[in-house]
Amino acid sequence: MVCLDVGMFEPLECTPLQIVVIMAYQVWLACAFFVSQLFQGLGGHAVGDVMCGIFPWKWIGPTPSEYKIPRHLREVHSWMCYPYLRLVTAGLMGKQPKPAFPPAKGIPLLYIYGKKKRVFFHTSSFIRNIDREEGRGGTAYRMLDQCGHWVQTQAPDEVASDMGKFLEGKK
């Protein structure tokens, strides 16, 4: 399994500001999806897509240096925000999913994330668990110093190389 800058945050391991940023980010994108579905026949998809495009990345995005999304707005759609709706609704119902580590017995994991971020979507205990598992089944992580949230667009060659090496070793 390869994960690019995803994960569940643990509120007890976050500062109040980090919690606010994470919740604002997730709730905004969940609302974009919800609006797009609720008003489908009335232009809801367009409104949801615009909500994705006007998200205030500079102030409440995961990284202070990334003001824009790395794709052109016509390639960004509110349906891409469905996972955030699941996270937010699960949290409201008190059923916040907890990631299992390792994800499943015998399944190797490569976790890649960027260092230049305001908040991280994984916890320090998640990284410690990877450290414990590394070498016992191919589990590893990689922090890219020059990247923020979108590691796959900021360092595509490096991410592809890491993924290739990881997957080659899993045959």
Protein backbone atom coordinates (compact mmCIF):
# COMPACT_ATOMS: atom_id res chain seq x y z
CA MET A 1 0.00 0.00 0.00
CA VAL A 2 1.30 3.46 -0.91
CA CYS A 3 -0.10 6.52 0.91
CA LEU A 4 0.72 10.06 -0.20
CA ASP A 5 0.30 12.56 2.64
CA VAL A 6 -2.87 11.07 4.09
CA GLY A 7 -3.71 9.96 7.57
CA MET A 8 -5.86 10.53 10.59
CA PHE A 9 -4.93 13.17 13.11
CA GLU A 10 -5.19 12.56 16.83
CA PRO A 11 -6.53 15.70 18.58
CA LEU A 12 -4.50 14.95 21.72
CA GLU A 13 -1.31 15.23 19.64
CA CYS A 14 -2.29 18.58 18.05
CA THR A 15 -2.24 22.19 19.13
CA PRO A 16 -5.57 24.07 19.16
CA LEU A 17 -4.51 25.98 16.02
CA GLN A 18 -3.72 22.73 14.19
CA ILE A 19 -7.13 21.32 15.12
CA VAL A 20 -8.87 24.46 13.80
CA VAL A 21 -6.92 24.33 10.52
CA ILE A 22 -7.57 20.63 9.99
CA MET A 23 -11.27 20.94 10.80
CA ALA A 24 -11.73 24.05 8.63
CA TYR A 25 -10.03 22.32 5.71
CA GLN A 26 -12.03 19.12 6.03
CA VAL A 27 -15.40 20.75 6.76
CA TRP A 28 -15.11 23.21 3.84
CA LEU A 29 -14.36 20.44 1.35
CA ALA A 30 -17.07 18.18 2.85
CA CYS A 31 -19.56 21.05 2.38
CA ALA A 32 -18.48 21.45 -1.25
CA PHE A 33 -19.35 17.81 -1.89
CA PHE A 34 -22.61 18.03 0.10
CA VAL A 35 -23.79 21.15 -1.78
CA SER A 36 -22.96 19.56 -5.13
CA GLN A 37 -25.13 16.53 -4.31
CA LEU A 38 -27.97 18.33 -2.55
CA PHE A 39 -28.58 20.72 -5.46
CA GLN A 40 -27.62 18.45 -8.37
CA GLY A 41 -30.38 19.58 -10.72
CA LEU A 42 -29.96 23.24 -9.81
CA GLY A 43 -26.29 23.69 -10.66
CA GLY A 44 -25.05 22.16 -7.44
CA HIS A 45 -22.06 20.57 -9.10
CA ALA A 46 -20.91 23.96 -10.39
CA VAL A 47 -21.36 25.55 -6.95
CA GLY A 48 -19.45 22.71 -5.28
CA ASP A 49 -16.68 23.01 -7.86
CA VAL A 50 -16.43 26.76 -7.23
CA MET A 51 -16.25 26.11 -3.48
CA CYS A 52 -13.24 23.87 -4.10
CA GLY A 53 -11.62 26.57 -6.19
CA ILE A 54 -12.16 29.45 -3.76
CA PHE A 55 -10.99 27.61 -0.66
CA PRO A 56 -8.78 30.08 1.29
CA TRP A 57 -5.58 27.99 1.08
CA LYS A 58 -3.34 30.85 2.21
CA TRP A 59 -5.09 31.25 5.58
CA ILE A 60 -6.44 27.83 6.50
CA GLY A 61 -4.84 25.46 4.05
CA PRO A 62 -2.46 22.73 5.16
CA THR A 63 0.57 24.78 4.12
CA PRO A 64 1.15 28.53 4.41
CA SER A 65 3.26 28.65 1.24
CA GLU A 66 0.79 26.91 -1.10
CA TYR A 67 -1.81 29.47 -2.06
CA LYS A 68 -3.28 27.61 -5.01
CA ILE A 69 -4.13 24.06 -5.84
CA PRO A 70 -1.65 22.51 -8.27
CA ARG A 71 -4.26 21.74 -10.94
CA HIS A 72 -6.25 24.02 -13.18
CA LEU A 73 -9.70 24.72 -11.73
CA ARG A 74 -11.50 22.98 -14.59
CA GLU A 75 -9.77 19.77 -13.43
CA VAL A 76 -10.98 20.15 -9.83
CA HIS A 77 -14.42 18.84 -8.99
CA SER A 78 -16.45 18.63 -5.82
CA TRP A 79 -16.91 14.87 -6.21
CA MET A 80 -13.21 14.63 -5.29
CA CYS A 81 -14.20 15.82 -1.80
CA TYR A 82 -16.31 12.78 -0.92
CA PRO A 83 -13.70 11.37 1.52
CA TYR A 84 -13.94 14.59 3.54
CA LEU A 85 -17.70 14.22 3.81
CA ARG A 86 -17.18 10.70 5.19
CA LEU A 87 -14.63 11.95 7.74
CA VAL A 88 -16.76 14.87 8.91
CA THR A 89 -20.01 12.90 9.19
CA ALA A 90 -18.24 10.07 11.02
CA GLY A 91 -16.78 12.62 13.43
CA LEU A 92 -20.18 14.24 14.02
CA MET A 93 -21.63 10.83 14.86
CA GLY A 94 -18.77 10.08 17.24
CA LYS A 95 -17.46 7.33 15.01
CA GLN A 96 -14.21 8.86 13.85
CA PRO A 97 -12.35 6.08 12.06
CA LYS A 98 -9.04 5.10 13.60
CA PRO A 99 -6.40 3.88 11.19
CA ALA A 100 -5.10 0.45 11.98
CA PHE A 101 -1.38 0.01 11.95
CA PRO A 102 -0.15 -1.87 10.17
CA PRO A 103 -3.12 -1.52 7.80
CA ALA A 104 -3.47 -5.31 7.64
CA LYS A 105 -1.19 -8.09 8.67
CA GLY A 106 1.38 -8.79 5.98
CA ILE A 107 0.56 -5.74 3.83
CA PRO A 108 3.61 -3.50 3.37
CA LEU A 109 3.11 0.26 3.56
CA LEU A 110 5.02 3.17 2.03
CA TYR A 111 4.02 6.54 3.46
CA ILE A 112 5.31 9.70 1.73
CA TYR A 113 4.66 13.21 3.02
CA GLY A 114 6.03 16.75 2.73
CA LYS A 115 7.83 18.60 5.52
CA LYS A 116 6.77 22.17 4.64
CA LYS A 117 3.31 22.08 6.19
CA ARG A 118 1.29 24.01 8.71
CA VAL A 119 -0.38 20.82 9.92
CA PHE A 120 0.22 17.14 9.30
CA PHE A 121 -2.58 14.67 8.63
CA HIS A 122 -0.78 11.94 10.50
CA THR A 123 0.35 11.70 14.07
CA SER A 124 3.81 11.26 15.52
CA SER A 125 2.65 7.91 16.91
CA PHE A 126 1.82 6.82 13.34
CA ILE A 127 5.43 7.56 12.31
CA ARG A 128 6.75 5.77 15.41
CA ASN A 129 4.69 2.71 14.43
CA ILE A 130 6.21 2.77 10.96
CA ASP A 131 9.67 3.02 12.53
CA ARG A 132 8.91 -0.07 14.61
CA GLU A 133 7.67 -2.02 11.59
CA GLU A 134 10.37 -0.90 9.12
CA GLY A 135 12.39 -3.86 7.95
CA ARG A 136 9.78 -6.35 9.20
CA GLY A 137 7.70 -6.62 6.07
CA GLY A 138 8.77 -3.71 3.93
CA THR A 139 6.98 -0.89 5.74
CA ALA A 140 8.67 2.52 5.39
CA TYR A 141 8.05 6.25 5.29
CA ARG A 142 9.72 9.13 3.52
CA MET A 143 9.56 12.81 4.38
CA LEU A 144 10.34 15.11 1.44
CA ASP A 145 12.00 18.26 2.82
CA GLN A 146 11.23 20.50 -0.16
CA CYS A 147 7.51 19.59 -0.41
CA GLY A 148 4.30 20.69 1.20
CA HIS A 149 0.90 19.03 0.82
CA TRP A 150 1.00 17.94 -2.84
CA VAL A 151 4.12 15.76 -2.90
CA GLN A 152 3.10 14.04 -6.14
CA THR A 153 3.07 17.34 -8.05
CA GLN A 154 5.95 19.05 -6.23
CA ALA A 155 8.43 16.17 -6.58
CA PRO A 156 6.91 13.82 -9.17
CA ASP A 157 10.18 12.15 -10.14
CA GLU A 158 11.19 11.51 -6.54
CA VAL A 159 7.75 10.15 -5.60
CA ALA A 160 7.65 7.93 -8.69
CA SER A 161 11.15 6.64 -7.96
CA ASP A 162 10.31 5.87 -4.32
CA MET A 163 7.09 4.14 -5.34
CA GLY A 164 8.85 2.16 -8.05
CA LYS A 165 11.57 0.94 -5.68
CA PHE A 166 8.97 0.06 -3.06
CA LEU A 167 6.73 -1.84 -5.48
CA GLU A 168 9.67 -3.62 -7.11
CA GLY A 169 10.67 -4.95 -3.72
CA LYS A 170 7.16 -6.33 -3.14
CA LYS A 171 7.04 -8.78 -6.08
